C-alpha atoms as a PDB file:
ATOM      1  CA  MET A   1      11.193   8.795 -18.716  1.00  0.00           C
ATOM      2  CA  VAL A   2      12.075   7.397 -15.299  1.00  0.00           C
ATOM      3  CA  CYS A   3       9.258   5.533 -13.567  1.00  0.00           C
ATOM      4  CA  VAL A   4       8.726   6.395  -9.904  1.00  0.00           C
ATOM      5  CA  SER A   5       5.505   4.475  -9.176  1.00  0.00           C
ATOM      6  CA  ALA A   6       3.343   1.619 -10.402  1.00  0.00           C
ATOM      7  CA  TYR A   7       2.503   3.867 -13.349  1.00  0.00           C
ATOM      8  CA  ASP A   8       4.611   5.612 -15.966  1.00  0.00           C
ATOM      9  CA  SER A   9       4.382   8.864 -13.974  1.00  0.00           C
ATOM     10  CA  SER A  10       7.237  11.339 -14.091  1.00  0.00           C
ATOM     11  CA  ALA A  11       8.226  13.542 -11.170  1.00  0.00           C
ATOM     12  CA  ASP A  12       8.492  17.229 -10.328  1.00  0.00           C
ATOM     13  CA  ALA A  13      10.929  18.613  -7.739  1.00  0.00           C
ATOM     14  CA  LYS A  14      10.138  21.753  -5.706  1.00  0.00           C
ATOM     15  CA  LEU A  15      12.697  23.464  -3.479  1.00  0.00           C
ATOM     16  CA  TYR A  16      11.706  23.107   0.162  1.00  0.00           C
ATOM     17  CA  LEU A  17      14.700  23.813   2.409  1.00  0.00           C
ATOM     18  CA  THR A  18      18.275  25.091   2.465  1.00  0.00           C
ATOM     19  CA  SER A  19      20.482  23.901   5.321  1.00  0.00           C
ATOM     20  CA  THR A  20      20.730  26.603   8.000  1.00  0.00           C
ATOM     21  CA  PRO A  21      23.020  26.648   9.886  1.00  0.00           C
ATOM     22  CA  PRO A  22      25.227  24.158   7.977  1.00  0.00           C
ATOM     23  CA  GLY A  23      28.341  24.524  10.133  1.00  0.00           C
ATOM     24  CA  GLN A  24      29.995  22.607  12.928  1.00  0.00           C
ATOM     25  CA  GLY A  25      27.611  20.959  15.363  1.00  0.00           C
ATOM     26  CA  SER A  26      24.535  21.257  13.112  1.00  0.00           C
ATOM     27  CA  PHE A  27      22.341  18.156  12.843  1.00  0.00           C
ATOM     28  CA  PHE A  28      18.788  16.879  12.360  1.00  0.00           C
ATOM     29  CA  LYS A  29      17.091  14.529  14.792  1.00  0.00           C
ATOM     30  CA  PRO A  30      15.384  11.344  13.513  1.00  0.00           C
ATOM     31  CA  HIS A  31      12.093  12.212  11.820  1.00  0.00           C
ATOM     32  CA  VAL A  32       9.725  11.297   9.004  1.00  0.00           C
ATOM     33  CA  ASP A  33       8.752  13.984   6.502  1.00  0.00           C
ATOM     34  CA  THR A  34       5.167  15.230   6.452  1.00  0.00           C
ATOM     35  CA  PRO A  35       3.726  14.975   2.919  1.00  0.00           C
ATOM     36  CA  ARG A  36       2.727  18.423   1.654  1.00  0.00           C
ATOM     37  CA  SER A  37       0.050  16.954  -0.652  1.00  0.00           C
ATOM     38  CA  LYS A  38      -1.302  13.656  -1.946  1.00  0.00           C
ATOM     39  CA  LYS A  39       1.029  13.943  -4.925  1.00  0.00           C
ATOM     40  CA  MET A  40       4.188  14.140  -2.808  1.00  0.00           C
ATOM     41  CA  PHE A  41       6.053  10.849  -2.608  1.00  0.00           C
ATOM     42  CA  GLY A  42       9.617  11.633  -1.522  1.00  0.00           C
ATOM     43  CA  SER A  43      12.530  14.016  -0.979  1.00  0.00           C
ATOM     44  CA  LEU A  44      15.714  14.827  -2.867  1.00  0.00           C
ATOM     45  CA  VAL A  45      18.750  16.148  -0.951  1.00  0.00           C
ATOM     46  CA  VAL A  46      21.603  17.765  -2.906  1.00  0.00           C
ATOM     47  CA  VAL A  47      24.897  18.278  -1.040  1.00  0.00           C
ATOM     48  CA  PHE A  48      27.335  20.873  -2.409  1.00  0.00           C
ATOM     49  CA  PRO A  49      31.109  20.204  -2.556  1.00  0.00           C
ATOM     50  CA  THR A  50      31.999  22.403   0.407  1.00  0.00           C
ATOM     51  CA  PRO A  51      34.703  20.767   2.588  1.00  0.00           C
ATOM     52  CA  HIS A  52      33.179  19.176   5.687  1.00  0.00           C
ATOM     53  CA  GLU A  53      33.412  16.151   7.954  1.00  0.00           C
ATOM     54  CA  GLY A  54      30.498  14.358   9.581  1.00  0.00           C
ATOM     55  CA  GLY A  55      26.909  15.193   8.718  1.00  0.00           C
ATOM     56  CA  ALA A  56      26.142  11.682   7.439  1.00  0.00           C
ATOM     57  CA  LEU A  57      22.517  10.976   6.533  1.00  0.00           C
ATOM     58  CA  HIS A  58      21.075   7.826   8.162  1.00  0.00           C
ATOM     59  CA  LEU A  59      17.886   6.299   6.735  1.00  0.00           C
ATOM     60  CA  ARG A  60      15.692   3.663   8.397  1.00  0.00           C
ATOM     61  CA  HIS A  61      12.680   1.769   7.085  1.00  0.00           C
ATOM     62  CA  ARG A  62      10.987  -1.400   8.371  1.00  0.00           C
ATOM     63  CA  GLY A  63      13.991  -2.619  10.351  1.00  0.00           C
ATOM     64  CA  GLN A  64      16.612  -1.796   7.715  1.00  0.00           C
ATOM     65  CA  GLU A  65      19.151   1.035   7.862  1.00  0.00           C
ATOM     66  CA  TRP A  66      21.388   2.777   5.325  1.00  0.00           C
ATOM     67  CA  MET A  67      24.029   5.532   5.607  1.00  0.00           C
ATOM     68  CA  PHE A  68      24.776   8.239   3.037  1.00  0.00           C
ATOM     69  CA  ASP A  69      28.164   9.832   3.838  1.00  0.00           C
ATOM     70  CA  SER A  70      28.354  12.838   1.511  1.00  0.00           C
ATOM     71  CA  ALA A  71      31.582  14.135   3.125  1.00  0.00           C
ATOM     72  CA  THR A  72      33.521  10.991   2.218  1.00  0.00           C
ATOM     73  CA  ALA A  73      31.995  10.758  -1.252  1.00  0.00           C
ATOM     74  CA  LEU A  74      32.808  14.381  -2.120  1.00  0.00           C
ATOM     75  CA  SER A  75      36.332  14.242  -0.701  1.00  0.00           C
ATOM     76  CA  THR A  76      37.406  11.907  -3.516  1.00  0.00           C
ATOM     77  CA  ALA A  77      35.250  13.411  -6.290  1.00  0.00           C
ATOM     78  CA  ARG A  78      36.006  16.178  -8.766  1.00  0.00           C
ATOM     79  CA  PRO A  79      35.693  19.718  -7.294  1.00  0.00           C
ATOM     80  CA  SER A  80      32.682  20.454  -9.509  1.00  0.00           C
ATOM     81  CA  SER A  81      30.757  17.383  -8.297  1.00  0.00           C
ATOM     82  CA  VAL A  82      27.702  17.380  -6.072  1.00  0.00           C
ATOM     83  CA  SER A  83      26.327  14.522  -3.986  1.00  0.00           C
ATOM     84  CA  TYR A  84      22.641  13.677  -3.898  1.00  0.00           C
ATOM     85  CA  ILE A  85      20.172  11.142  -2.551  1.00  0.00           C
ATOM     86  CA  ALA A  86      16.415  10.587  -2.943  1.00  0.00           C
ATOM     87  CA  PHE A  87      14.150   8.641  -0.596  1.00  0.00           C
ATOM     88  CA  PHE A  88      10.466   8.052   0.029  1.00  0.00           C
ATOM     89  CA  SER A  89       8.533  10.305   2.404  1.00  0.00           C
ATOM     90  CA  ASP A  90       7.814   7.579   4.960  1.00  0.00           C
ATOM     91  CA  VAL A  91      11.497   6.719   5.462  1.00  0.00           C
ATOM     92  CA  GLU A  92      12.842   7.874   8.827  1.00  0.00           C
ATOM     93  CA  HIS A  93      16.071   9.845   8.514  1.00  0.00           C
ATOM     94  CA  GLU A  94      18.503  11.906  10.547  1.00  0.00           C
ATOM     95  CA  VAL A  95      21.685  13.891   9.972  1.00  0.00           C
ATOM     96  CA  THR A  96      24.526  13.300  12.429  1.00  0.00           C
ATOM     97  CA  PRO A  97      26.451  16.360  13.732  1.00  0.00           C
ATOM     98  CA  VAL A  98      28.839  18.123  11.381  1.00  0.00           C
ATOM     99  CA  VAL A  99      32.335  17.758  12.901  1.00  0.00           C
ATOM    100  CA  SER A 100      34.059  20.442  10.867  1.00  0.00           C
ATOM    101  CA  GLY A 101      33.534  22.632   7.817  1.00  0.00           C
ATOM    102  CA  HIS A 102      30.143  23.447   6.317  1.00  0.00           C
ATOM    103  CA  ARG A 103      27.592  20.983   4.926  1.00  0.00           C
ATOM    104  CA  VAL A 104      25.541  23.031   2.444  1.00  0.00           C
ATOM    105  CA  THR A 105      22.439  21.350   1.046  1.00  0.00           C
ATOM    106  CA  LEU A 106      19.258  21.947  -0.910  1.00  0.00           C
ATOM    107  CA  THR A 107      16.223  19.779  -0.140  1.00  0.00           C
ATOM    108  CA  TYR A 108      13.473  19.296  -2.709  1.00  0.00           C
ATOM    109  CA  ASN A 109      10.043  17.764  -2.242  1.00  0.00           C
ATOM    110  CA  LEU A 110       9.228  15.252  -4.998  1.00  0.00           C
ATOM    111  CA  TYR A 111       5.749  15.189  -6.540  1.00  0.00           C
ATOM    112  CA  PHE A 112       3.998  13.352  -9.328  1.00  0.00           C
ATOM    113  CA  ASP A 113       3.787  16.039 -12.019  1.00  0.00           C
ATOM    114  CA  ASP A 114       0.492  14.991 -13.606  1.00  0.00           C
ATOM    115  CA  ASP A 115      -2.866  13.538 -12.614  1.00  0.00           C
ATOM    116  CA  SER A 116      -2.055   9.922 -13.489  1.00  0.00           C
ATOM    117  CA  TRP A 117      -2.003   9.147  -9.758  1.00  0.00           C
ATOM    118  CA  ARG A 118      -5.778   9.683  -9.748  1.00  0.00           C
ATOM    119  CA  GLU A 119      -6.503   6.956 -12.285  1.00  0.00           C
ATOM    120  CA  LEU A 120      -7.858   3.549 -11.368  1.00  0.00           C
ATOM    121  CA  ALA A 121      -5.153   0.998 -12.071  1.00  0.00           C
ATOM    122  CA  PRO A 122      -7.034  -1.602 -14.168  1.00  0.00           C
ATOM    123  CA  ALA A 123      -8.057   1.089 -16.663  1.00  0.00           C
ATOM    124  CA  ARG A 124      -4.461   1.776 -17.715  1.00  0.00           C
ATOM    125  CA  ASP A 125      -1.968  -0.190 -19.758  1.00  0.00           C
ATOM    126  CA  LEU A 126       1.335  -0.138 -17.915  1.00  0.00           C
ATOM    127  CA  THR A 127       3.243  -1.184 -21.029  1.00  0.00           C
ATOM    128  CA  SER A 128       1.705   1.306 -23.465  1.00  0.00           C
ATOM    129  CA  GLU A 129       4.704   3.669 -23.299  1.00  0.00           C
ATOM    130  CA  PRO A 130       8.435   3.018 -22.991  1.00  0.00           C
ATOM    131  CA  VAL A 131       9.369   3.260 -19.333  1.00  0.00           C
ATOM    132  CA  THR A 132      12.859   3.237 -17.873  1.00  0.00           C
ATOM    133  CA  PHE A 133      13.444   1.606 -14.495  1.00  0.00           C
ATOM    134  CA  PRO A 134      16.714   1.565 -12.550  1.00  0.00           C
ATOM    135  CA  ALA A 135      18.537  -1.718 -13.187  1.00  0.00           C
ATOM    136  CA  GLN A 136      18.205  -2.792  -9.544  1.00  0.00           C
ATOM    137  CA  VAL A 137      14.431  -2.274  -9.630  1.00  0.00           C
ATOM    138  CA  GLU A 138      14.094  -4.200 -12.890  1.00  0.00           C
ATOM    139  CA  ALA A 139      16.167  -7.077 -11.517  1.00  0.00           C
ATOM    140  CA  LYS A 140      14.069  -7.353  -8.344  1.00  0.00           C
ATOM    141  CA  GLU A 141      10.816  -7.196 -10.264  1.00  0.00           C
ATOM    142  CA  GLN A 142      11.961  -9.826 -12.743  1.00  0.00           C
ATOM    143  CA  GLY A 143      13.111 -12.064  -9.895  1.00  0.00           C
ATOM    144  CA  PHE A 144       9.772 -11.769  -8.121  1.00  0.00           C
ATOM    145  CA  ARG A 145       7.805 -12.361 -11.313  1.00  0.00           C
ATOM    146  CA  THR A 146       9.861 -15.447 -12.173  1.00  0.00           C
ATOM    147  CA  ALA A 147       9.501 -16.923  -8.676  1.00  0.00           C
ATOM    148  CA  LEU A 148       5.743 -16.281  -8.578  1.00  0.00           C
ATOM    149  CA  SER A 149       5.255 -17.739 -12.055  1.00  0.00           C
ATOM    150  CA  ALA A 150       7.112 -20.924 -11.083  1.00  0.00           C
ATOM    151  CA  LEU A 151       5.056 -21.217  -7.904  1.00  0.00           C
ATOM    152  CA  LEU A 152       1.785 -20.894  -9.790  1.00  0.00           C
ATOM    153  CA  GLU A 153       2.833 -23.652 -12.167  1.00  0.00           C
ATOM    154  CA  ASN A 154       3.122 -26.032  -9.220  1.00  0.00           C
ATOM    155  CA  PRO A 155      -0.181 -27.990  -9.060  1.00  0.00           C
ATOM    156  CA  GLN A 156       0.310 -28.584  -5.329  1.00  0.00           C
ATOM    157  CA  PHE A 157       0.285 -24.846  -4.581  1.00  0.00           C
ATOM    158  CA  LEU A 158      -3.296 -23.778  -3.789  1.00  0.00           C
ATOM    159  CA  PRO A 159      -4.769 -26.497  -6.019  1.00  0.00           C
ATOM    160  CA  ASP A 160      -8.277 -25.075  -5.586  1.00  0.00           C
ATOM    161  CA  GLY A 161      -7.217 -21.452  -6.037  1.00  0.00           C
ATOM    162  CA  GLY A 162      -7.680 -18.708  -3.490  1.00  0.00           C
ATOM    163  CA  MET A 163      -6.372 -15.279  -2.626  1.00  0.00           C
ATOM    164  CA  LEU A 164      -2.843 -14.009  -1.992  1.00  0.00           C
ATOM    165  CA  GLY A 165      -2.504 -11.042   0.355  1.00  0.00           C
ATOM    166  CA  PHE A 166       0.353  -8.537   0.399  1.00  0.00           C
ATOM    167  CA  GLY A 167       0.646  -6.110   3.301  1.00  0.00           C
ATOM    168  CA  LEU A 168       1.761  -2.703   2.011  1.00  0.00           C
ATOM    169  CA  ARG A 169       5.290  -1.631   2.980  1.00  0.00           C
ATOM    170  CA  HIS A 170       4.788   2.119   2.521  1.00  0.00           C
ATOM    171  CA  VAL A 171       2.427   4.801   3.837  1.00  0.00           C
ATOM    172  CA  TYR A 172      -0.236   6.387   1.616  1.00  0.00           C
ATOM    173  CA  GLN A 173      -2.867   9.049   2.212  1.00  0.00           C
ATOM    174  CA  VAL A 174      -6.310   7.462   2.437  1.00  0.00           C
ATOM    175  CA  GLU A 175      -9.483   9.486   2.988  1.00  0.00           C
ATOM    176  CA  GLY A 176     -12.505   8.318   4.919  1.00  0.00           C
ATOM    177  CA  GLY A 177     -15.657   7.883   2.874  1.00  0.00           C
ATOM    178  CA  ARG A 178     -13.698   7.472  -0.367  1.00  0.00           C
ATOM    179  CA  GLY A 179     -12.484   4.588  -2.450  1.00  0.00           C
ATOM    180  CA  LEU A 180      -8.888   3.510  -2.846  1.00  0.00           C
ATOM    181  CA  ASP A 181      -8.656   4.290  -6.571  1.00  0.00           C
ATOM    182  CA  HIS A 182      -6.198   7.158  -6.143  1.00  0.00           C
ATOM    183  CA  VAL A 183      -3.739   4.947  -4.215  1.00  0.00           C
ATOM    184  CA  TYR A 184      -2.919   2.794  -7.252  1.00  0.00           C
ATOM    185  CA  GLY A 185      -0.995   5.616  -8.908  1.00  0.00           C
ATOM    186  CA  LEU A 186       0.866   6.338  -5.671  1.00  0.00           C
ATOM    187  CA  LEU A 187       2.222   2.826  -5.109  1.00  0.00           C
ATOM    188  CA  LYS A 188       5.979   2.923  -4.623  1.00  0.00           C
ATOM    189  CA  GLY A 189       8.954   0.746  -3.789  1.00  0.00           C
ATOM    190  CA  SER A 190       8.211  -2.934  -3.228  1.00  0.00           C
ATOM    191  CA  ASP A 191       4.445  -2.236  -3.322  1.00  0.00           C
ATOM    192  CA  ALA A 192       4.755  -0.994  -6.919  1.00  0.00           C
ATOM    193  CA  THR A 193       7.080  -3.896  -7.760  1.00  0.00           C
ATOM    194  CA  VAL A 194       4.528  -6.494  -6.630  1.00  0.00           C
ATOM    195  CA  TYR A 195       1.707  -4.680  -8.399  1.00  0.00           C
ATOM    196  CA  ARG A 196       3.526  -4.449 -11.740  1.00  0.00           C
ATOM    197  CA  ALA A 197       4.819  -8.034 -11.599  1.00  0.00           C
ATOM    198  CA  VAL A 198       1.399  -9.512 -10.824  1.00  0.00           C
ATOM    199  CA  ARG A 199      -0.281  -7.515 -13.592  1.00  0.00           C
ATOM    200  CA  ALA A 200       2.418  -8.572 -16.042  1.00  0.00           C
ATOM    201  CA  LEU A 201       1.376 -12.194 -15.366  1.00  0.00           C
ATOM    202  CA  GLY A 202      -2.220 -11.381 -16.327  1.00  0.00           C
ATOM    203  CA  PHE A 203      -3.815 -11.069 -12.874  1.00  0.00           C
ATOM    204  CA  GLU A 204      -5.944  -8.284 -11.414  1.00  0.00           C
ATOM    205  CA  PRO A 205      -4.313  -7.058  -8.192  1.00  0.00           C
ATOM    206  CA  MET A 206      -6.745  -4.969  -6.146  1.00  0.00           C
ATOM    207  CA  LEU A 207      -6.433  -2.725  -3.124  1.00  0.00           C
ATOM    208  CA  TYR A 208      -8.771  -3.515  -0.244  1.00  0.00           C
ATOM    209  CA  LEU A 209      -9.279  -2.621   3.376  1.00  0.00           C
ATOM    210  CA  TYR A 210      -8.877  -5.777   5.447  1.00  0.00           C
ATOM    211  CA  TYR A 211     -11.075  -6.006   8.564  1.00  0.00           C
ATOM    212  CA  GLU A 212     -10.734  -8.630  11.254  1.00  0.00           C
ATOM    213  CA  SER A 213     -12.725  -9.055  14.460  1.00  0.00           C
ATOM    214  CA  GLU A 214     -13.665 -11.633  17.066  1.00  0.00           C
ATOM    215  CA  LEU A 215     -17.275 -12.747  16.810  1.00  0.00           C
ATOM    216  CA  TYR A 216     -19.338 -12.421  19.993  1.00  0.00           C
ATOM    217  CA  ASP A 217     -16.315 -13.059  22.292  1.00  0.00           C
ATOM    218  CA  SER A 218     -16.336 -16.631  20.990  1.00  0.00           C
ATOM    219  CA  GLY A 219     -12.700 -16.824  19.943  1.00  0.00           C
ATOM    220  CA  PHE A 220     -13.785 -17.243  16.325  1.00  0.00           C
ATOM    221  CA  VAL A 221     -12.188 -14.588  14.113  1.00  0.00           C
ATOM    222  CA  GLU A 222     -14.190 -13.294  11.187  1.00  0.00           C
ATOM    223  CA  ALA A 223     -12.582 -11.292   8.416  1.00  0.00           C
ATOM    224  CA  GLY A 224     -13.716  -9.282   5.429  1.00  0.00           C
ATOM    225  CA  LEU A 225     -12.532  -7.076   2.574  1.00  0.00           C
ATOM    226  CA  ILE A 226     -13.968  -3.914   1.016  1.00  0.00           C
ATOM    227  CA  ASP A 227     -12.608  -1.452  -1.518  1.00  0.00           C
ATOM    228  CA  ARG A 228     -13.283   1.796   0.386  1.00  0.00           C
ATOM    229  CA  VAL A 229     -13.436   3.359   3.834  1.00  0.00           C
ATOM    230  CA  ILE A 230     -16.974   3.338   5.209  1.00  0.00           C
ATOM    231  CA  GLN A 231     -18.905   4.682   8.161  1.00  0.00           C
ATOM    232  CA  THR A 232     -21.835   2.393   8.882  1.00  0.00           C
ATOM    233  CA  GLU A 233     -24.505   1.594  11.419  1.00  0.00           C
ATOM    234  CA  ALA A 234     -25.330  -1.987  12.264  1.00  0.00           C
ATOM    235  CA  SER A 235     -28.977  -2.903  12.739  1.00  0.00           C
ATOM    236  CA  VAL A 236     -30.526  -4.839  15.612  1.00  0.00           C
ATOM    237  CA  VAL A 237     -30.581  -7.911  13.413  1.00  0.00           C
ATOM    238  CA  THR A 238     -26.979  -7.486  12.260  1.00  0.00           C
ATOM    239  CA  ASN A 239     -24.579  -7.297  15.197  1.00  0.00           C
ATOM    240  CA  SER A 240     -21.516  -8.136  13.107  1.00  0.00           C
ATOM    241  CA  PHE A 241     -19.481  -5.494  11.328  1.00  0.00           C
ATOM    242  CA  ILE A 242     -18.227  -8.013   8.779  1.00  0.00           C
ATOM    243  CA  GLU A 243     -21.790  -9.069   8.023  1.00  0.00           C
ATOM    244  CA  GLU A 244     -22.706  -5.405   7.657  1.00  0.00           C
ATOM    245  CA  LEU A 245     -19.930  -5.034   5.085  1.00  0.00           C
ATOM    246  CA  LEU A 246     -21.421  -7.931   3.180  1.00  0.00           C
ATOM    247  CA  LYS A 247     -25.053  -6.894   3.255  1.00  0.00           C
ATOM    248  CA  MET A 248     -24.903  -3.142   2.911  1.00  0.00           C
ATOM    249  CA  HIS A 249     -21.682  -1.962   1.343  1.00  0.00           C
ATOM    250  CA  GLY A 250     -20.445  -4.526  -1.148  1.00  0.00           C
ATOM    251  CA  GLY A 251     -17.698  -6.114   0.906  1.00  0.00           C
ATOM    252  CA  PHE A 252     -17.272  -9.839   1.321  1.00  0.00           C
ATOM    253  CA  ALA A 253     -16.273 -12.304   4.004  1.00  0.00           C
ATOM    254  CA  ILE A 254     -13.110 -14.365   3.696  1.00  0.00           C
ATOM    255  CA  ARG A 255     -11.589 -17.343   5.438  1.00  0.00           C
ATOM    256  CA  LEU A 256      -8.084 -17.072   6.845  1.00  0.00           C
ATOM    257  CA  GLU A 257      -5.523 -19.695   5.908  1.00  0.00           C
ATOM    258  CA  GLY A 258      -5.774 -22.711   8.222  1.00  0.00           C
ATOM    259  CA  ALA A 259      -8.818 -21.335  10.052  1.00  0.00           C
ATOM    260  CA  TRP A 260     -12.254 -22.812  10.301  1.00  0.00           C
ATOM    261  CA  GLY A 261     -14.717 -20.834   8.212  1.00  0.00           C
ATOM    262  CA  GLU A 262     -18.401 -20.571   7.572  1.00  0.00           C
ATOM    263  CA  PRO A 263     -19.633 -23.042   4.917  1.00  0.00           C
ATOM    264  CA  GLY A 264     -20.728 -20.192   2.644  1.00  0.00           C
ATOM    265  CA  VAL A 265     -17.275 -18.592   2.598  1.00  0.00           C
ATOM    266  CA  ASP A 266     -15.315 -20.252  -0.175  1.00  0.00           C
ATOM    267  CA  GLU A 267     -12.381 -17.887  -0.656  1.00  0.00           C
ATOM    268  CA  ALA A 268      -9.389 -18.365   1.620  1.00  0.00           C
ATOM    269  CA  LEU A 269      -6.788 -15.643   2.151  1.00  0.00           C
ATOM    270  CA  HIS A 270      -3.089 -16.531   2.321  1.00  0.00           C
ATOM    271  CA  TRP A 271      -0.746 -13.750   3.435  1.00  0.00           C
ATOM    272  CA  VAL A 272       2.485 -13.585   1.432  1.00  0.00           C
ATOM    273  CA  THR A 273       3.728 -10.553   3.361  1.00  0.00           C
ATOM    274  CA  PRO A 274       2.100  -9.747   6.727  1.00  0.00           C
ATOM    275  CA  VAL A 275      -0.653  -7.172   6.817  1.00  0.00           C
ATOM    276  CA  THR A 276       0.643  -3.837   8.149  1.00  0.00           C
ATOM    277  CA  THR A 277      -1.149  -1.235  10.254  1.00  0.00           C
ATOM    278  CA  PHE A 278       0.379   2.092   9.194  1.00  0.00           C
ATOM    279  CA  ASN A 279      -2.369   2.662   6.571  1.00  0.00           C
ATOM    280  CA  ARG A 280      -5.068   1.754   9.111  1.00  0.00           C
ATOM    281  CA  GLN A 281      -8.507   3.350   8.840  1.00  0.00           C
ATOM    282  CA  SER A 282     -11.270   3.296  11.462  1.00  0.00           C
ATOM    283  CA  SER A 283     -14.999   2.848  10.883  1.00  0.00           C
ATOM    284  CA  ALA A 284     -17.557   3.582  13.578  1.00  0.00           C
ATOM    285  CA  TYR A 285     -20.810   1.643  13.873  1.00  0.00           C
ATOM    286  CA  ALA A 286     -23.650   1.133  16.345  1.00  0.00           C
ATOM    287  CA  ALA A 287     -23.445  -2.262  18.039  1.00  0.00           C
ATOM    288  CA  TYR A 288     -26.408  -3.838  19.819  1.00  0.00           C
ATOM    289  CA  GLY A 289     -26.354  -6.329  22.658  1.00  0.00           C
ATOM    290  CA  ASN A 290     -28.016  -5.876  26.036  1.00  0.00           C
ATOM    291  CA  ASN A 291     -27.345  -2.176  25.478  1.00  0.00           C
ATOM    292  CA  ALA A 292     -26.501  -0.116  22.436  1.00  0.00           C
ATOM    293  CA  SER A 293     -22.858   0.936  22.183  1.00  0.00           C
ATOM    294  CA  LEU A 294     -20.445   2.529  19.737  1.00  0.00           C
ATOM    295  CA  GLY A 295     -18.137   0.068  18.033  1.00  0.00           C
ATOM    296  CA  LEU A 296     -14.962   0.769  16.090  1.00  0.00           C
ATOM    297  CA  ALA A 297     -13.676  -1.487  13.344  1.00  0.00           C
ATOM    298  CA  TYR A 298     -10.161  -1.056  11.969  1.00  0.00           C
ATOM    299  CA  GLY A 299      -9.291  -1.767   8.350  1.00  0.00           C
ATOM    300  CA  ASP A 300      -5.766  -2.077   6.959  1.00  0.00           C
ATOM    301  CA  VAL A 301      -5.023  -1.381   3.295  1.00  0.00           C
ATOM    302  CA  CYS A 302      -3.526  -4.351   1.452  1.00  0.00           C
ATOM    303  CA  LEU A 303      -3.057  -5.716  -2.053  1.00  0.00           C
ATOM    304  CA  ILE A 304      -5.123  -8.803  -2.943  1.00  0.00           C
ATOM    305  CA  VAL A 305      -4.557 -11.167  -5.873  1.00  0.00           C
ATOM    306  CA  ARG A 306      -7.164 -13.804  -6.773  1.00  0.00           C
ATOM    307  CA  LEU A 307      -6.011 -17.077  -8.296  1.00  0.00           C
ATOM    308  CA  GLY A 308      -7.871 -19.766 -10.176  1.00  0.00           C
ATOM    309  CA  LYS A 309      -7.332 -23.455  -9.517  1.00  0.00           C
ATOM    310  CA  ALA A 310      -4.208 -25.292 -10.650  1.00  0.00           C
ATOM    311  CA  GLY A 311      -3.978 -25.401 -14.436  1.00  0.00           C
ATOM    312  CA  GLU A 312      -6.471 -22.525 -14.745  1.00  0.00           C
ATOM    313  CA  ARG A 313      -4.819 -19.808 -12.675  1.00  0.00           C
ATOM    314  CA  LEU A 314      -6.307 -16.950 -14.701  1.00  0.00           C
ATOM    315  CA  ALA A 315      -9.853 -18.322 -14.358  1.00  0.00           C
ATOM    316  CA  TYR A 316     -10.596 -16.333 -11.212  1.00  0.00           C
ATOM    317  CA  PRO A 317     -13.653 -14.211 -10.331  1.00  0.00           C
ATOM    318  CA  THR A 318     -13.049 -10.643 -11.514  1.00  0.00           C
ATOM    319  CA  VAL A 319     -13.977  -7.557  -9.509  1.00  0.00           C
ATOM    320  CA  ALA A 320     -16.791  -6.770 -11.938  1.00  0.00           C
ATOM    321  CA  GLN A 321     -18.238 -10.270 -11.518  1.00  0.00           C
ATOM    322  CA  LEU A 322     -18.046 -10.060  -7.720  1.00  0.00           C
ATOM    323  CA  LYS A 323     -19.796  -6.681  -7.667  1.00  0.00           C
ATOM    324  CA  GLU A 324     -22.537  -7.936  -9.964  1.00  0.00           C
ATOM    325  CA  GLU A 325     -23.029 -10.999  -7.757  1.00  0.00           C
ATOM    326  CA  TRP A 326     -23.228  -8.805  -4.633  1.00  0.00           C
ATOM    327  CA  PHE A 327     -25.747  -6.494  -6.290  1.00  0.00           C
ATOM    328  CA  GLU A 328     -27.981  -9.406  -7.250  1.00  0.00           C
ATOM    329  CA  LYS A 329     -27.828 -10.848  -3.717  1.00  0.00           C
ATOM    330  CA  ARG A 330     -28.688  -7.482  -2.217  1.00  0.00           C
ATOM    331  CA  GLN A 331     -31.640  -7.068  -4.562  1.00  0.00           C
ATOM    332  CA  ARG A 332     -32.960 -10.509  -3.595  1.00  0.00           C
ATOM    333  CA  SER A 333     -32.461  -9.703   0.098  1.00  0.00           C
ATOM    334  CA  MET A 334     -34.365  -6.430  -0.229  1.00  0.00           C
ATOM    335  CA  MET A 335     -37.217  -8.123  -2.050  1.00  0.00           C
ATOM    336  CA  THR A 336     -37.396 -10.800   0.649  1.00  0.00           C
ATOM    337  CA  ARG A 337     -37.563  -8.159   3.397  1.00  0.00           C
ATOM    338  CA  ILE A 338     -40.308  -6.306   1.533  1.00  0.00           C
ATOM    339  CA  TYR A 339     -42.242  -9.544   1.028  1.00  0.00           C
ATOM    340  CA  LYS A 340     -41.995 -10.419   4.737  1.00  0.00           C
ATOM    341  CA  GLY A 341     -42.969  -6.892   5.762  1.00  0.00           C
ATOM    342  CA  TYR A 342     -39.693  -5.952   7.527  1.00  0.00           C
END
């Protein structure tokens, strides 16, 4: 079995396109493929050994670029050989003009072939079945895991614990009003590498939407995390979207690294890789000031890892503990409001 995600999911390939016309002057402009379903994660292009020049495939992703020159590769291969390449759906690609001959290809859409992508990550054991990874992927994951392990052993690194944040490097389909559970099984590339490595060290990496906003035009930035996309309505008393996340929907406030924070906010967030915006989700809410208005808050999906203090790195608050604590606080708040006659 070849692993293609954070899980031990196998893949299914479905024919999508044959190259027409494949002859001289044919090309494809730069574009990003449109996923045909939530289970689609990439494309496979097979190039037949028909003599041709040009028609190189250029791929670009987050400032990096690669070239796949099938004409050159096939010119030195056995006549019965084919050339092929697979890439993720959110990778921009183009085909340069064919100079001569005919570049004949088949393009397949790649899908997860089971429903494992729907499962919530913590409920599954990633090492329960033998999984084969490409050597390059294994080497990168081992390197990251070794470096992170050494860093966590350093007592001067986050001595009081905290949170590490990883901005996702790939695009995933996220639905408004739903949780992020289905995204765990879709993690790919470096996102899946980080997820697997962190879990292998015994931690509980979680996907959250990260919200950030300026409070009352004061210059103070408040931030919060929640595990699903929400549509909410702030009350007259609560004119802060982050506070609304806390009180009504089970989110929690955080303090950014190096920033002044409210005394009640103990957890600080340290970004390892910058938060990215291409999985951004919007939430509308009613804001109240001198006049009522419609506010929009934007949340970006990221991977969060909680750490315990030095020497006790695995002694961190679990998701279940945090949810139970939020539920108890909400119950006390509701009882207080009832008692005061709100």
